[in-house]
Amino acid sequence: MRLTRYTDYAMRVLLYLGSHPDRLCSIKEIAGAYNISQNHLMKVVNDLARAGYVASVRGRFGGIRLARPPQEISLGAVVRHTEGGLGLVDCASCVISPLCGLSRALNQALCAFLDVLDGYRLEDLIGSPRDMAALFDFSTPAPWDVAKPEADVGAAAPAMAQSRPSSRNSAASSGGRSPSSVLAVQSAGASAGSR
């Protein structure tokens, strides 16, 4: 079974908002963080707001946030909402449907799939909001990127640049250069400083 892009985007929005619980976020910001279409995301966010998963605040300093705590948002409920009809096959028009057991087997499989998703809350997917937010914020090092106190800080900088996930935002924050060119500049600066 493959979930739609719509469901994928809905889950991304909820994960992003859940990892930034202390502030309002913009659709533009979320689209930029995932490098996805802002127009598609706007439709998804409007639907999530109508369904009560997201609250929106209008105005100049407005934005969106979770409408409920993450522990109250069921993954199964979100998937049911965003996927609409979850029928895996169209057995109604098939000539062998009165005697075929495929429909029953697929329905059991779908129920098992949804039962597993019902066991997860958004809170379970986020883990630590601070650690999750660090993956989106390229201006501060992620907790696992921070050099140990006894390590040479100058040597840690290239390693930190290499371990960060690549994104359009990382290139934008480095003056339009790719992470590899930033690493090359950092390496060149480090070797020039050692002369």
N, C-alpha and C. Protein backbone atom coordinates (compact mmCIF):
# COMPACT_ATOMS: atom_id res chain seq x y z
N MET A 1 0.85 -1.18 0.00
CA MET A 1 0.00 0.00 0.00
C MET A 1 0.88 1.23 0.00
N ARG A 2 0.53 2.19 -0.80
CA ARG A 2 1.30 3.42 -0.89
C ARG A 2 0.39 4.59 -0.52
N LEU A 3 0.82 5.39 0.44
CA LEU A 3 0.05 6.56 0.83
C LEU A 3 0.27 7.68 -0.18
N THR A 4 -0.71 8.55 -0.30
CA THR A 4 -0.64 9.64 -1.27
C THR A 4 0.34 10.72 -0.80
N ARG A 5 0.73 11.54 -1.73
CA ARG A 5 1.59 12.68 -1.42
C ARG A 5 0.86 13.63 -0.47
N TYR A 6 -0.44 13.71 -0.62
CA TYR A 6 -1.26 14.56 0.24
C TYR A 6 -1.08 14.15 1.71
N THR A 7 -1.15 12.87 1.97
CA THR A 7 -0.95 12.36 3.34
C THR A 7 0.48 12.61 3.79
N ASP A 8 1.43 12.42 2.91
CA ASP A 8 2.83 12.68 3.22
C ASP A 8 3.01 14.13 3.65
N TYR A 9 2.46 15.07 2.87
CA TYR A 9 2.57 16.49 3.20
C TYR A 9 1.86 16.82 4.50
N ALA A 10 0.71 16.20 4.74
CA ALA A 10 -0.03 16.44 5.99
C ALA A 10 0.82 16.01 7.18
N MET A 11 1.45 14.85 7.08
CA MET A 11 2.29 14.37 8.18
C MET A 11 3.51 15.27 8.35
N ARG A 12 4.08 15.75 7.27
CA ARG A 12 5.22 16.65 7.38
C ARG A 12 4.84 17.95 8.10
N VAL A 13 3.67 18.49 7.76
CA VAL A 13 3.21 19.71 8.43
C VAL A 13 3.06 19.46 9.92
N LEU A 14 2.39 18.37 10.28
CA LEU A 14 2.16 18.08 11.69
C LEU A 14 3.48 17.84 12.43
N LEU A 15 4.41 17.15 11.81
CA LEU A 15 5.71 16.91 12.44
C LEU A 15 6.46 18.23 12.64
N TYR A 16 6.41 19.09 11.64
CA TYR A 16 7.10 20.39 11.76
C TYR A 16 6.49 21.22 12.88
N LEU A 17 5.16 21.31 12.89
CA LEU A 17 4.49 22.10 13.92
C LEU A 17 4.72 21.50 15.30
N GLY A 18 4.73 20.19 15.39
CA GLY A 18 4.97 19.53 16.67
C GLY A 18 6.39 19.74 17.18
N SER A 19 7.32 19.97 16.28
CA SER A 19 8.70 20.20 16.68
C SER A 19 8.98 21.68 16.99
N HIS A 20 7.99 22.53 16.73
CA HIS A 20 8.09 23.96 17.04
C HIS A 20 6.86 24.38 17.85
N PRO A 21 6.67 23.80 19.04
CA PRO A 21 5.45 24.04 19.80
C PRO A 21 5.35 25.43 20.42
N ASP A 22 6.47 26.13 20.52
CA ASP A 22 6.51 27.39 21.23
C ASP A 22 6.27 28.62 20.37
N ARG A 23 5.95 28.42 19.08
CA ARG A 23 5.77 29.59 18.21
C ARG A 23 4.86 29.26 17.04
N LEU A 24 4.41 30.32 16.35
CA LEU A 24 3.64 30.16 15.12
C LEU A 24 4.62 29.93 13.97
N CYS A 25 4.23 29.12 13.02
CA CYS A 25 5.05 28.84 11.84
C CYS A 25 4.28 29.28 10.60
N SER A 26 4.98 29.57 9.54
CA SER A 26 4.31 29.95 8.29
C SER A 26 4.37 28.79 7.30
N ILE A 27 3.44 28.80 6.38
CA ILE A 27 3.43 27.78 5.33
C ILE A 27 4.69 27.90 4.49
N LYS A 28 5.11 29.12 4.23
CA LYS A 28 6.33 29.35 3.44
C LYS A 28 7.54 28.73 4.14
N GLU A 29 7.61 28.91 5.44
CA GLU A 29 8.72 28.35 6.24
C GLU A 29 8.73 26.81 6.16
N ILE A 30 7.55 26.20 6.29
CA ILE A 30 7.46 24.74 6.26
C ILE A 30 7.81 24.22 4.87
N ALA A 31 7.28 24.89 3.84
CA ALA A 31 7.59 24.49 2.46
C ALA A 31 9.09 24.58 2.20
N GLY A 32 9.71 25.63 2.71
CA GLY A 32 11.16 25.80 2.54
C GLY A 32 11.96 24.74 3.29
N ALA A 33 11.50 24.39 4.47
CA ALA A 33 12.21 23.39 5.28
C ALA A 33 12.24 22.03 4.58
N TYR A 34 11.14 21.69 3.88
CA TYR A 34 11.05 20.40 3.20
C TYR A 34 11.34 20.49 1.71
N ASN A 35 11.54 21.72 1.22
CA ASN A 35 11.77 21.94 -0.21
C ASN A 35 10.61 21.36 -1.04
N ILE A 36 9.38 21.72 -0.65
CA ILE A 36 8.19 21.26 -1.36
C ILE A 36 7.34 22.47 -1.77
N SER A 37 6.37 22.24 -2.63
CA SER A 37 5.53 23.29 -3.18
C SER A 37 4.69 23.97 -2.10
N GLN A 38 4.80 25.28 -2.04
CA GLN A 38 4.02 26.06 -1.08
C GLN A 38 2.53 26.00 -1.44
N ASN A 39 2.20 25.98 -2.74
CA ASN A 39 0.79 25.93 -3.16
C ASN A 39 0.13 24.62 -2.71
N HIS A 40 0.80 23.50 -2.90
CA HIS A 40 0.25 22.21 -2.46
C HIS A 40 0.10 22.19 -0.94
N LEU A 41 1.09 22.72 -0.26
CA LEU A 41 1.07 22.73 1.19
C LEU A 41 -0.08 23.58 1.73
N MET A 42 -0.39 24.67 1.04
CA MET A 42 -1.49 25.53 1.47
C MET A 42 -2.82 24.77 1.48
N LYS A 43 -3.04 23.96 0.46
CA LYS A 43 -4.27 23.15 0.40
C LYS A 43 -4.32 22.16 1.56
N VAL A 44 -3.20 21.52 1.82
CA VAL A 44 -3.12 20.53 2.90
C VAL A 44 -3.37 21.21 4.25
N VAL A 45 -2.75 22.36 4.48
CA VAL A 45 -2.90 23.07 5.75
C VAL A 45 -4.35 23.52 5.94
N ASN A 46 -4.98 24.01 4.88
CA ASN A 46 -6.39 24.41 4.99
C ASN A 46 -7.26 23.22 5.40
N ASP A 47 -7.00 22.07 4.81
CA ASP A 47 -7.75 20.86 5.15
C ASP A 47 -7.50 20.44 6.60
N LEU A 48 -6.25 20.48 7.03
CA LEU A 48 -5.91 20.12 8.41
C LEU A 48 -6.55 21.10 9.40
N ALA A 49 -6.66 22.36 9.01
CA ALA A 49 -7.31 23.35 9.88
C ALA A 49 -8.81 23.07 9.99
N ARG A 50 -9.45 22.76 8.86
CA ARG A 50 -10.89 22.43 8.87
C ARG A 50 -11.16 21.17 9.70
N ALA A 51 -10.21 20.25 9.71
CA ALA A 51 -10.37 19.00 10.45
C ALA A 51 -10.01 19.14 11.93
N GLY A 52 -9.47 20.29 12.33
CA GLY A 52 -9.16 20.51 13.73
C GLY A 52 -7.78 20.07 14.17
N TYR A 53 -6.89 19.77 13.23
CA TYR A 53 -5.53 19.37 13.58
C TYR A 53 -4.60 20.58 13.72
N VAL A 54 -4.90 21.63 12.95
CA VAL A 54 -4.07 22.82 12.89
C VAL A 54 -4.93 24.04 13.19
N ALA A 55 -4.38 24.98 13.95
CA ALA A 55 -5.04 26.25 14.22
C ALA A 55 -4.28 27.34 13.47
N SER A 56 -5.01 28.24 12.86
CA SER A 56 -4.35 29.32 12.12
C SER A 56 -4.68 30.66 12.77
N VAL A 57 -3.70 31.53 12.77
CA VAL A 57 -3.84 32.88 13.30
C VAL A 57 -3.60 33.82 12.14
N ARG A 58 -4.61 34.64 11.83
CA ARG A 58 -4.49 35.57 10.71
C ARG A 58 -3.75 36.83 11.13
N GLY A 59 -3.32 37.56 10.14
CA GLY A 59 -2.71 38.86 10.39
C GLY A 59 -1.23 38.87 10.11
N ARG A 60 -0.66 40.05 10.31
CA ARG A 60 0.74 40.28 9.99
C ARG A 60 1.68 39.34 10.75
N PHE A 61 1.38 39.08 12.00
CA PHE A 61 2.22 38.21 12.80
C PHE A 61 1.56 36.85 13.01
N GLY A 62 0.72 36.48 12.07
CA GLY A 62 -0.01 35.21 12.16
C GLY A 62 0.83 34.03 11.71
N GLY A 63 0.19 32.90 11.69
CA GLY A 63 0.85 31.68 11.29
C GLY A 63 -0.02 30.49 11.69
N ILE A 64 0.58 29.33 11.76
CA ILE A 64 -0.15 28.12 12.13
C ILE A 64 0.57 27.40 13.25
N ARG A 65 -0.19 26.61 13.99
CA ARG A 65 0.34 25.78 15.07
C ARG A 65 -0.60 24.60 15.23
N LEU A 66 -0.19 23.62 15.99
CA LEU A 66 -1.07 22.49 16.27
C LEU A 66 -2.28 22.98 17.05
N ALA A 67 -3.46 22.47 16.70
CA ALA A 67 -4.68 22.83 17.41
C ALA A 67 -4.86 22.00 18.67
N ARG A 68 -4.16 20.88 18.75
CA ARG A 68 -4.24 19.97 19.90
C ARG A 68 -2.83 19.57 20.29
N PRO A 69 -2.68 19.10 21.51
CA PRO A 69 -1.35 18.59 21.90
C PRO A 69 -0.97 17.36 21.05
N PRO A 70 0.31 17.16 20.78
CA PRO A 70 0.74 16.04 19.95
C PRO A 70 0.29 14.67 20.45
N GLN A 71 0.13 14.52 21.76
CA GLN A 71 -0.29 13.23 22.30
C GLN A 71 -1.77 12.94 22.02
N GLU A 72 -2.51 13.93 21.53
CA GLU A 72 -3.92 13.73 21.19
C GLU A 72 -4.16 13.53 19.69
N ILE A 73 -3.10 13.55 18.89
CA ILE A 73 -3.24 13.40 17.44
C ILE A 73 -2.82 11.99 17.05
N SER A 74 -3.80 11.20 16.63
CA SER A 74 -3.57 9.81 16.24
C SER A 74 -3.12 9.74 14.78
N LEU A 75 -2.05 9.00 14.54
CA LEU A 75 -1.56 8.82 13.18
C LEU A 75 -2.61 8.14 12.31
N GLY A 76 -3.29 7.13 12.86
CA GLY A 76 -4.34 6.44 12.12
C GLY A 76 -5.47 7.36 11.72
N ALA A 77 -5.87 8.25 12.62
CA ALA A 77 -6.96 9.19 12.32
C ALA A 77 -6.54 10.16 11.21
N VAL A 78 -5.31 10.63 11.25
CA VAL A 78 -4.83 11.55 10.21
C VAL A 78 -4.82 10.84 8.85
N VAL A 79 -4.32 9.61 8.82
CA VAL A 79 -4.27 8.85 7.56
C VAL A 79 -5.68 8.59 7.03
N ARG A 80 -6.59 8.21 7.90
CA ARG A 80 -7.99 8.00 7.46
C ARG A 80 -8.57 9.28 6.87
N HIS A 81 -8.27 10.42 7.52
CA HIS A 81 -8.79 11.70 7.05
C HIS A 81 -8.20 12.09 5.70
N THR A 82 -6.89 12.00 5.57
CA THR A 82 -6.24 12.48 4.35
C THR A 82 -6.34 11.52 3.17
N GLU A 83 -6.48 10.24 3.45
CA GLU A 83 -6.57 9.26 2.37
C GLU A 83 -7.99 9.12 1.82
N GLY A 84 -8.99 9.56 2.55
CA GLY A 84 -10.37 9.40 2.07
C GLY A 84 -10.74 7.94 2.00
N GLY A 85 -11.19 7.50 0.83
CA GLY A 85 -11.54 6.08 0.65
C GLY A 85 -10.30 5.23 0.63
N LEU A 86 -10.23 4.28 1.53
CA LEU A 86 -9.04 3.44 1.63
C LEU A 86 -9.22 2.07 0.99
N GLY A 87 -10.20 1.92 0.12
CA GLY A 87 -10.38 0.63 -0.55
C GLY A 87 -9.16 0.29 -1.38
N LEU A 88 -8.61 -0.87 -1.16
CA LEU A 88 -7.38 -1.24 -1.87
C LEU A 88 -7.65 -1.70 -3.30
N VAL A 89 -8.79 -2.34 -3.52
CA VAL A 89 -9.16 -2.76 -4.88
C VAL A 89 -10.66 -2.50 -5.08
N ASP A 90 -11.07 -2.39 -6.33
CA ASP A 90 -12.47 -2.17 -6.66
C ASP A 90 -13.11 -3.51 -7.02
N CYS A 91 -13.63 -4.18 -6.00
CA CYS A 91 -14.21 -5.51 -6.21
C CYS A 91 -15.66 -5.46 -6.69
N ALA A 92 -16.31 -4.33 -6.55
CA ALA A 92 -17.73 -4.24 -6.90
C ALA A 92 -17.99 -4.53 -8.37
N SER A 93 -17.08 -4.17 -9.23
CA SER A 93 -17.31 -4.36 -10.67
C SER A 93 -16.72 -5.67 -11.21
N CYS A 94 -16.16 -6.48 -10.34
CA CYS A 94 -15.50 -7.72 -10.78
C CYS A 94 -16.51 -8.87 -10.84
N VAL A 95 -16.45 -9.69 -11.89
CA VAL A 95 -17.39 -10.81 -12.07
C VAL A 95 -17.20 -11.93 -11.05
N ILE A 96 -16.01 -12.07 -10.53
CA ILE A 96 -15.79 -13.18 -9.58
C ILE A 96 -15.96 -12.74 -8.12
N SER A 97 -16.33 -11.49 -7.89
CA SER A 97 -16.41 -10.98 -6.52
C SER A 97 -17.32 -11.78 -5.58
N PRO A 98 -18.43 -12.39 -6.07
CA PRO A 98 -19.26 -13.16 -5.12
C PRO A 98 -18.53 -14.36 -4.51
N LEU A 99 -17.55 -14.93 -5.20
CA LEU A 99 -16.87 -16.13 -4.70
C LEU A 99 -15.40 -15.89 -4.32
N CYS A 100 -14.89 -14.72 -4.65
CA CYS A 100 -13.46 -14.43 -4.44
C CYS A 100 -13.18 -14.02 -2.99
N GLY A 101 -12.09 -14.53 -2.45
CA GLY A 101 -11.70 -14.20 -1.08
C GLY A 101 -10.69 -13.07 -1.00
N LEU A 102 -10.29 -12.51 -2.14
CA LEU A 102 -9.29 -11.45 -2.16
C LEU A 102 -9.76 -10.22 -1.39
N SER A 103 -11.00 -9.85 -1.59
CA SER A 103 -11.54 -8.66 -0.94
C SER A 103 -11.45 -8.79 0.58
N ARG A 104 -11.83 -9.93 1.11
CA ARG A 104 -11.79 -10.17 2.55
C ARG A 104 -10.34 -10.11 3.06
N ALA A 105 -9.43 -10.73 2.34
CA ALA A 105 -8.02 -10.73 2.76
C ALA A 105 -7.45 -9.31 2.75
N LEU A 106 -7.76 -8.55 1.73
CA LEU A 106 -7.24 -7.18 1.66
C LEU A 106 -7.86 -6.29 2.73
N ASN A 107 -9.13 -6.49 3.02
CA ASN A 107 -9.77 -5.72 4.09
C ASN A 107 -9.14 -6.03 5.45
N GLN A 108 -8.81 -7.30 5.69
CA GLN A 108 -8.13 -7.67 6.94
C GLN A 108 -6.75 -7.01 7.02
N ALA A 109 -6.05 -7.01 5.89
CA ALA A 109 -4.72 -6.39 5.85
C ALA A 109 -4.82 -4.89 6.11
N LEU A 110 -5.80 -4.25 5.51
CA LEU A 110 -5.99 -2.82 5.71
C LEU A 110 -6.33 -2.51 7.17
N CYS A 111 -7.19 -3.32 7.77
CA CYS A 111 -7.53 -3.13 9.19
C CYS A 111 -6.31 -3.29 10.07
N ALA A 112 -5.46 -4.27 9.77
CA ALA A 112 -4.24 -4.48 10.55
C ALA A 112 -3.30 -3.28 10.40
N PHE A 113 -3.17 -2.76 9.19
CA PHE A 113 -2.34 -1.59 8.90
C PHE A 113 -2.82 -0.39 9.72
N LEU A 114 -4.12 -0.13 9.69
CA LEU A 114 -4.68 1.00 10.42
C LEU A 114 -4.61 0.81 11.92
N ASP A 115 -4.74 -0.43 12.38
CA ASP A 115 -4.61 -0.71 13.82
C ASP A 115 -3.21 -0.34 14.32
N VAL A 116 -2.20 -0.65 13.53
CA VAL A 116 -0.83 -0.28 13.91
C VAL A 116 -0.70 1.24 13.96
N LEU A 117 -1.21 1.93 12.95
CA LEU A 117 -1.12 3.40 12.92
C LEU A 117 -1.89 4.02 14.08
N ASP A 118 -3.00 3.40 14.46
CA ASP A 118 -3.79 3.90 15.60
C ASP A 118 -3.01 3.83 16.91
N GLY A 119 -2.02 2.99 16.96
CA GLY A 119 -1.20 2.85 18.17
C GLY A 119 -0.15 3.94 18.32
N TYR A 120 -0.02 4.80 17.33
CA TYR A 120 0.97 5.88 17.37
C TYR A 120 0.29 7.24 17.45
N ARG A 121 0.90 8.13 18.22
CA ARG A 121 0.47 9.52 18.33
C ARG A 121 1.57 10.37 17.72
N LEU A 122 1.23 11.58 17.36
CA LEU A 122 2.21 12.50 16.79
C LEU A 122 3.40 12.66 17.74
N GLU A 123 3.14 12.68 19.01
CA GLU A 123 4.18 12.79 20.02
C GLU A 123 5.22 11.66 19.87
N ASP A 124 4.75 10.44 19.56
CA ASP A 124 5.67 9.30 19.38
C ASP A 124 6.58 9.50 18.17
N LEU A 125 6.08 10.13 17.14
CA LEU A 125 6.86 10.32 15.92
C LEU A 125 7.90 11.43 16.07
N ILE A 126 7.58 12.42 16.89
CA ILE A 126 8.48 13.56 17.06
C ILE A 126 9.64 13.21 17.98
N GLY A 127 9.36 12.46 19.02
CA GLY A 127 10.41 12.19 20.00
C GLY A 127 10.69 13.45 20.78
N SER A 128 11.88 13.99 20.64
CA SER A 128 12.26 15.24 21.30
C SER A 128 12.02 16.39 20.33
N PRO A 129 11.08 17.31 20.66
CA PRO A 129 10.84 18.44 19.76
C PRO A 129 12.11 19.26 19.49
N ARG A 130 12.96 19.40 20.49
CA ARG A 130 14.19 20.17 20.31
C ARG A 130 15.12 19.52 19.29
N ASP A 131 15.29 18.20 19.40
CA ASP A 131 16.15 17.50 18.45
C ASP A 131 15.56 17.52 17.04
N MET A 132 14.23 17.36 16.94
CA MET A 132 13.57 17.39 15.64
C MET A 132 13.70 18.78 15.02
N ALA A 133 13.49 19.82 15.82
CA ALA A 133 13.60 21.20 15.31
C ALA A 133 15.01 21.49 14.81
N ALA A 134 16.01 20.90 15.45
CA ALA A 134 17.40 21.12 15.04
C ALA A 134 17.65 20.62 13.62
N LEU A 135 16.90 19.63 13.19
CA LEU A 135 17.07 19.13 11.82
C LEU A 135 16.60 20.15 10.79
N PHE A 136 15.68 21.02 11.19
CA PHE A 136 15.17 22.03 10.27
C PHE A 136 15.95 23.33 10.35
N ASP A 137 16.65 23.58 11.44
CA ASP A 137 17.34 24.84 11.67
C ASP A 137 18.81 24.67 11.35
N PHE A 138 19.21 25.23 10.21
CA PHE A 138 20.59 25.06 9.78
C PHE A 138 21.52 26.14 10.32
N SER A 139 20.97 27.08 11.11
CA SER A 139 21.82 28.12 11.67
C SER A 139 22.47 27.68 12.99
N THR A 140 21.92 26.64 13.63
CA THR A 140 22.52 26.13 14.86
C THR A 140 22.84 24.66 14.67
N PRO A 141 23.91 24.18 15.28
CA PRO A 141 24.25 22.77 15.12
C PRO A 141 23.24 21.87 15.83
N ALA A 142 22.98 20.74 15.24
CA ALA A 142 22.12 19.74 15.87
C ALA A 142 22.84 19.21 17.11
N PRO A 143 22.09 18.70 18.11
CA PRO A 143 22.73 18.23 19.34
C PRO A 143 23.84 17.21 19.12
N TRP A 144 23.71 16.36 18.11
CA TRP A 144 24.72 15.34 17.88
C TRP A 144 25.91 15.87 17.08
N ASP A 145 25.80 17.12 16.57
CA ASP A 145 26.89 17.73 15.83
C ASP A 145 27.83 18.53 16.72
N VAL A 146 27.43 18.80 17.94
CA VAL A 146 28.22 19.64 18.83
C VAL A 146 29.47 18.88 19.24
N ALA A 147 30.63 19.55 19.07
CA ALA A 147 31.90 18.91 19.40
C ALA A 147 32.02 18.72 20.91
N LYS A 148 32.66 17.65 21.31
CA LYS A 148 32.91 17.39 22.72
C LYS A 148 33.89 18.43 23.24
N PRO A 149 33.81 18.80 24.54
CA PRO A 149 34.67 19.85 25.07
C PRO A 149 36.15 19.61 24.86
N GLU A 150 36.60 18.37 24.92
CA GLU A 150 38.04 18.11 24.77
C GLU A 150 38.48 18.09 23.30
N ALA A 151 37.55 18.16 22.36
CA ALA A 151 37.91 18.11 20.94
C ALA A 151 38.35 19.49 20.46
N ASP A 152 39.15 19.49 19.42
CA ASP A 152 39.61 20.72 18.79
C ASP A 152 38.43 21.31 18.00
N VAL A 153 37.98 22.49 18.38
CA VAL A 153 36.82 23.11 17.76
C VAL A 153 37.08 23.39 16.27
N GLY A 154 38.28 23.81 15.93
CA GLY A 154 38.59 24.09 14.52
C GLY A 154 38.47 22.86 13.65
N ALA A 155 38.82 21.71 14.18
CA ALA A 155 38.73 20.47 13.41
C ALA A 155 37.30 19.98 13.33
N ALA A 156 36.45 20.39 14.27
CA ALA A 156 35.06 19.90 14.29
C ALA A 156 34.21 20.59 13.24
N ALA A 157 34.56 21.80 12.83
CA ALA A 157 33.72 22.55 11.88
C ALA A 157 33.51 21.81 10.57
N PRO A 158 34.55 21.28 9.90
CA PRO A 158 34.29 20.55 8.66
C PRO A 158 33.44 19.30 8.89
N ALA A 159 33.65 18.62 10.01
CA ALA A 159 32.87 17.42 10.29
C ALA A 159 31.41 17.77 10.49
N MET A 160 31.13 18.91 11.16
CA MET A 160 29.75 19.35 11.36
C MET A 160 29.11 19.66 10.01
N ALA A 161 29.83 20.32 9.12
CA ALA A 161 29.27 20.67 7.82
C ALA A 161 28.95 19.43 7.01
N GLN A 162 29.79 18.40 7.12
CA GLN A 162 29.54 17.18 6.36
C GLN A 162 28.37 16.39 6.91
N SER A 163 28.11 16.43 8.23
CA SER A 163 27.09 15.58 8.82
C SER A 163 25.69 16.18 8.73
N ARG A 164 25.54 17.42 8.34
CA ARG A 164 24.23 18.05 8.24
C ARG A 164 23.51 17.55 7.01
N PRO A 165 22.18 17.37 7.08
CA PRO A 165 21.42 16.96 5.91
C PRO A 165 21.45 18.06 4.86
N SER A 166 21.48 17.69 3.59
CA SER A 166 21.51 18.69 2.54
C SER A 166 20.11 19.23 2.33
N SER A 167 20.04 20.52 2.02
CA SER A 167 18.76 21.18 1.82
C SER A 167 18.99 22.45 1.05
N ARG A 168 17.92 22.93 0.46
CA ARG A 168 17.98 24.20 -0.23
C ARG A 168 18.32 25.28 0.78
N ASN A 169 17.83 25.15 2.01
CA ASN A 169 18.07 26.15 3.04
C ASN A 169 19.54 26.23 3.42
N SER A 170 20.24 25.10 3.43
CA SER A 170 21.65 25.15 3.81
C SER A 170 22.45 25.89 2.76
N ALA A 171 22.10 25.74 1.50
CA ALA A 171 22.78 26.49 0.44
C ALA A 171 22.45 27.96 0.56
N ALA A 172 21.20 28.30 0.90
CA ALA A 172 20.79 29.69 1.02
C ALA A 172 21.51 30.35 2.20
N SER A 173 21.67 29.65 3.31
CA SER A 173 22.30 30.24 4.49
C SER A 173 23.80 30.38 4.31
N SER A 174 24.38 29.76 3.30
CA SER A 174 25.81 29.86 3.07
C SER A 174 26.12 30.74 1.86
N GLY A 175 25.21 31.70 1.59
CA GLY A 175 25.46 32.61 0.48
C GLY A 175 25.25 31.97 -0.87
N GLY A 176 24.41 30.94 -0.97
CA GLY A 176 24.11 30.32 -2.25
C GLY A 176 25.07 29.22 -2.64
N ARG A 177 26.09 28.98 -1.82
CA ARG A 177 27.05 27.93 -2.15
C ARG A 177 26.53 26.60 -1.66
N SER A 178 26.94 25.56 -2.30
CA SER A 178 26.56 24.22 -1.86
C SER A 178 27.34 23.86 -0.61
N PRO A 179 26.84 22.90 0.18
CA PRO A 179 27.57 22.48 1.39
C PRO A 179 28.99 22.03 1.09
N SER A 180 29.22 21.39 -0.07
CA SER A 180 30.58 20.93 -0.37
C SER A 180 31.52 22.10 -0.64
N SER A 181 31.00 23.19 -1.27
CA SER A 181 31.88 24.34 -1.50
C SER A 181 32.15 25.08 -0.21
N VAL A 182 31.18 25.11 0.71
CA VAL A 182 31.40 25.71 2.02
C VAL A 182 32.47 24.91 2.76
N LEU A 183 32.39 23.59 2.68
CA LEU A 183 33.39 22.74 3.32
C LEU A 183 34.76 23.00 2.75
N ALA A 184 34.86 23.15 1.43
CA ALA A 184 36.14 23.41 0.79
C ALA A 184 36.71 24.75 1.26
N VAL A 185 35.84 25.78 1.38
CA VAL A 185 36.29 27.08 1.85
C VAL A 185 36.74 26.98 3.30
N GLN A 186 35.99 26.25 4.14
CA GLN A 186 36.38 26.09 5.54
C GLN A 186 37.71 25.35 5.64
N SER A 187 37.88 24.32 4.84
CA SER A 187 39.12 23.54 4.88
C SER A 187 40.30 24.39 4.44
N ALA A 188 40.09 25.19 3.39
CA ALA A 188 41.16 26.06 2.90
C ALA A 188 41.53 27.08 3.95
N GLY A 189 40.52 27.63 4.64
CA GLY A 189 40.77 28.61 5.69
C GLY A 189 41.54 28.00 6.86
N ALA A 190 41.20 26.78 7.21
CA ALA A 190 41.88 26.10 8.31
C ALA A 190 43.33 25.83 7.97
N SER A 191 43.60 25.41 6.72
CA SER A 191 45.00 25.12 6.35
C SER A 191 45.80 26.41 6.20
N ALA A 192 45.15 27.50 5.76
CA ALA A 192 45.86 28.77 5.62
C ALA A 192 46.22 29.33 7.00
N GLY A 193 45.32 29.11 7.98
CA GLY A 193 45.57 29.59 9.34
C GLY A 193 46.67 28.83 10.05
N SER A 194 46.98 27.64 9.58
CA SER A 194 48.01 26.82 10.26
C SER A 194 49.40 27.11 9.75
N ARG A 195 49.53 27.96 8.76
CA ARG A 195 50.86 28.27 8.20
C ARG A 195 51.60 29.28 9.02
